[in-house]
Amino acid sequence: MIDHAVVRVKDFKKSLRFYESALQPLGYRVLKEFPGFVGLGAGDKTDVWIGQDDAVTKGVHLAFASRDRKSVDAFHAAALKAGGKDNGPPGIRKDYHPKGLGPAGSGRPRGPAIKAAARASRGSSGAAGRSAS
């Protein structure tokens, strides 16, 4: 089990606005703040840290769990509005997960790709996702 991830960014204020906006539909909010370093989480657990650094995080892909299709769509819309780039329409991705995994990726202003995904539950038709990066 992964406890937390750190994303190092060059433009701290712009990146923080992006992550706050994109992750808000998934229940994330700023939980801890330090100069040049902020921790976000859903509930009381801080599991994503954004930190200012000249050596930015590259080649990382972060996927956040979403409770449903509606949250995935809201994540996608918020990420695009905050500067993400659309990488494709929503849809069931059975090749990712047998019950359907709907990824919604969203790139950030110069950082790792992020994604929201809702796994299909029994009796549901699957999960929707959208991509941006």
Protein backbone atom coordinates (compact mmCIF):
# COMPACT_ATOMS: atom_id res chain seq x y z
CA MET A 1 0.00 0.00 0.00
CA ILE A 2 1.33 3.43 -0.91
CA ASP A 3 1.15 6.02 1.87
CA HIS A 4 1.76 9.21 -0.10
CA ALA A 5 3.29 10.71 -3.24
CA VAL A 6 5.30 13.88 -3.76
CA VAL A 7 5.09 15.93 -6.94
CA ARG A 8 7.84 18.49 -7.42
CA VAL A 9 6.89 21.46 -9.56
CA LYS A 10 8.62 24.57 -10.86
CA ASP A 11 5.63 26.95 -10.82
CA PHE A 12 4.24 26.24 -7.36
CA LYS A 13 1.28 28.65 -7.37
CA LYS A 14 0.03 27.61 -10.81
CA SER A 15 0.48 23.90 -10.07
CA LEU A 16 -1.24 24.18 -6.70
CA ARG A 17 -4.24 25.90 -8.33
CA PHE A 18 -4.37 23.08 -10.88
CA TYR A 19 -4.21 20.24 -8.34
CA GLU A 20 -6.70 21.92 -5.99
CA SER A 21 -9.18 22.44 -8.84
CA ALA A 22 -8.76 19.03 -10.48
CA LEU A 23 -8.86 17.02 -7.27
CA GLN A 24 -11.66 18.90 -5.51
CA PRO A 25 -14.41 16.79 -7.19
CA LEU A 26 -12.70 13.73 -5.71
CA GLY A 27 -12.93 15.16 -2.20
CA TYR A 28 -9.36 16.46 -1.99
CA ARG A 29 -8.45 19.68 -0.26
CA VAL A 30 -5.36 21.30 1.22
CA LEU A 31 -4.71 19.76 4.63
CA LYS A 32 -1.18 21.00 5.41
CA GLU A 33 0.77 24.04 4.28
CA PHE A 34 4.45 24.92 4.56
CA PRO A 35 6.45 27.46 2.56
CA GLY A 36 6.72 25.98 -0.94
CA PHE A 37 5.13 22.69 0.07
CA VAL A 38 1.44 21.72 0.43
CA GLY A 39 -0.25 18.45 1.34
CA LEU A 40 -3.62 17.50 -0.12
CA GLY A 41 -5.92 14.68 0.86
CA ALA A 42 -9.46 13.41 1.00
CA GLY A 43 -10.72 13.12 4.55
CA ASP A 44 -8.01 13.57 7.16
CA LYS A 45 -5.12 11.79 5.42
CA THR A 46 -2.57 13.82 3.49
CA ASP A 47 -1.47 11.60 0.62
CA VAL A 48 -0.37 13.96 -2.16
CA TRP A 49 2.28 16.59 -1.59
CA ILE A 50 3.07 19.40 -4.04
CA GLY A 51 6.47 20.99 -3.57
CA GLN A 52 8.39 23.69 -5.36
CA ASP A 53 11.70 22.53 -6.82
CA ASP A 54 13.83 23.19 -9.89
CA ALA A 55 14.06 19.42 -10.43
CA VAL A 56 10.43 18.75 -11.38
CA THR A 57 8.79 15.32 -11.20
CA LYS A 58 8.77 13.67 -14.63
CA GLY A 59 7.58 10.36 -16.01
CA VAL A 60 5.09 9.70 -13.22
CA HIS A 61 1.45 8.77 -13.62
CA LEU A 62 -0.86 9.16 -10.61
CA ALA A 63 -4.34 7.63 -10.58
CA PHE A 64 -6.88 8.74 -7.97
CA ALA A 65 -9.88 6.63 -7.02
CA SER A 66 -13.26 8.13 -7.74
CA ARG A 67 -16.49 6.99 -6.11
CA ASP A 68 -18.52 7.19 -9.33
CA ARG A 69 -18.75 8.33 -12.95
CA LYS A 70 -20.09 11.72 -11.96
CA SER A 71 -16.95 12.45 -9.92
CA VAL A 72 -14.73 11.32 -12.80
CA ASP A 73 -16.55 13.70 -15.15
CA ALA A 74 -16.31 16.54 -12.62
CA PHE A 75 -12.57 15.84 -12.19
CA HIS A 76 -12.09 15.97 -15.96
CA ALA A 77 -14.02 19.22 -16.36
CA ALA A 78 -12.16 20.87 -13.48
CA ALA A 79 -8.78 19.69 -14.79
CA LEU A 80 -9.48 21.05 -18.27
CA LYS A 81 -10.71 24.34 -16.86
CA ALA A 82 -7.51 24.58 -14.80
CA GLY A 83 -5.27 24.03 -17.84
CA GLY A 84 -5.24 20.26 -18.49
CA LYS A 85 -5.36 18.83 -22.01
CA ASP A 86 -8.03 16.36 -23.08
CA ASN A 87 -6.64 12.93 -24.01
CA GLY A 88 -9.89 11.29 -25.02
CA PRO A 89 -13.55 10.80 -24.23
CA PRO A 90 -14.99 8.96 -21.24
CA GLY A 91 -15.55 5.28 -21.56
CA ILE A 92 -15.26 1.84 -20.10
CA ARG A 93 -11.73 0.48 -20.28
CA LYS A 94 -12.15 -3.29 -19.92
CA ASP A 95 -8.59 -3.79 -21.15
CA TYR A 96 -7.42 -2.04 -17.93
CA HIS A 97 -9.63 -3.92 -15.50
CA PRO A 98 -12.07 -6.82 -15.96
CA LYS A 99 -14.97 -4.90 -14.40
CA GLY A 100 -14.21 -1.75 -16.30
CA LEU A 101 -11.96 1.07 -15.24
CA GLY A 102 -12.79 4.52 -16.43
CA PRO A 103 -9.67 6.59 -16.44
CA ALA A 104 -9.78 10.32 -16.56
CA GLY A 105 -6.29 11.52 -16.97
CA SER A 106 -5.30 15.05 -16.77
CA GLY A 107 -2.05 16.62 -17.34
CA ARG A 108 -0.97 19.43 -15.36
CA PRO A 109 0.95 22.55 -15.98
CA ARG A 110 4.36 20.86 -16.34
CA GLY A 111 4.18 17.82 -14.11
CA PRO A 112 3.09 14.19 -14.03
CA ALA A 113 -0.08 12.97 -15.67
CA ILE A 114 -2.93 12.51 -13.23
CA LYS A 115 -6.04 10.41 -13.63
CA ALA A 116 -9.31 9.71 -11.85
CA ALA A 117 -10.86 6.27 -12.16
CA ALA A 118 -14.08 4.65 -11.00
CA ARG A 119 -14.18 0.88 -10.92
CA ALA A 120 -17.46 -0.72 -11.84
CA SER A 121 -19.39 -2.30 -9.04
CA ARG A 122 -21.52 -5.43 -9.31
CA GLY A 123 -24.61 -4.79 -11.31
CA SER A 124 -23.35 -1.54 -12.77
CA SER A 125 -22.56 -1.01 -16.40
CA GLY A 126 -18.97 -0.01 -15.80
CA ALA A 127 -17.04 3.13 -15.11
CA ALA A 128 -16.56 6.22 -17.16
CA GLY A 129 -13.39 8.16 -17.54
CA ARG A 130 -11.90 11.07 -19.36
CA SER A 131 -8.34 11.88 -20.11
CA ALA A 132 -6.38 15.08 -20.18
CA SER A 133 -2.70 15.83 -20.00
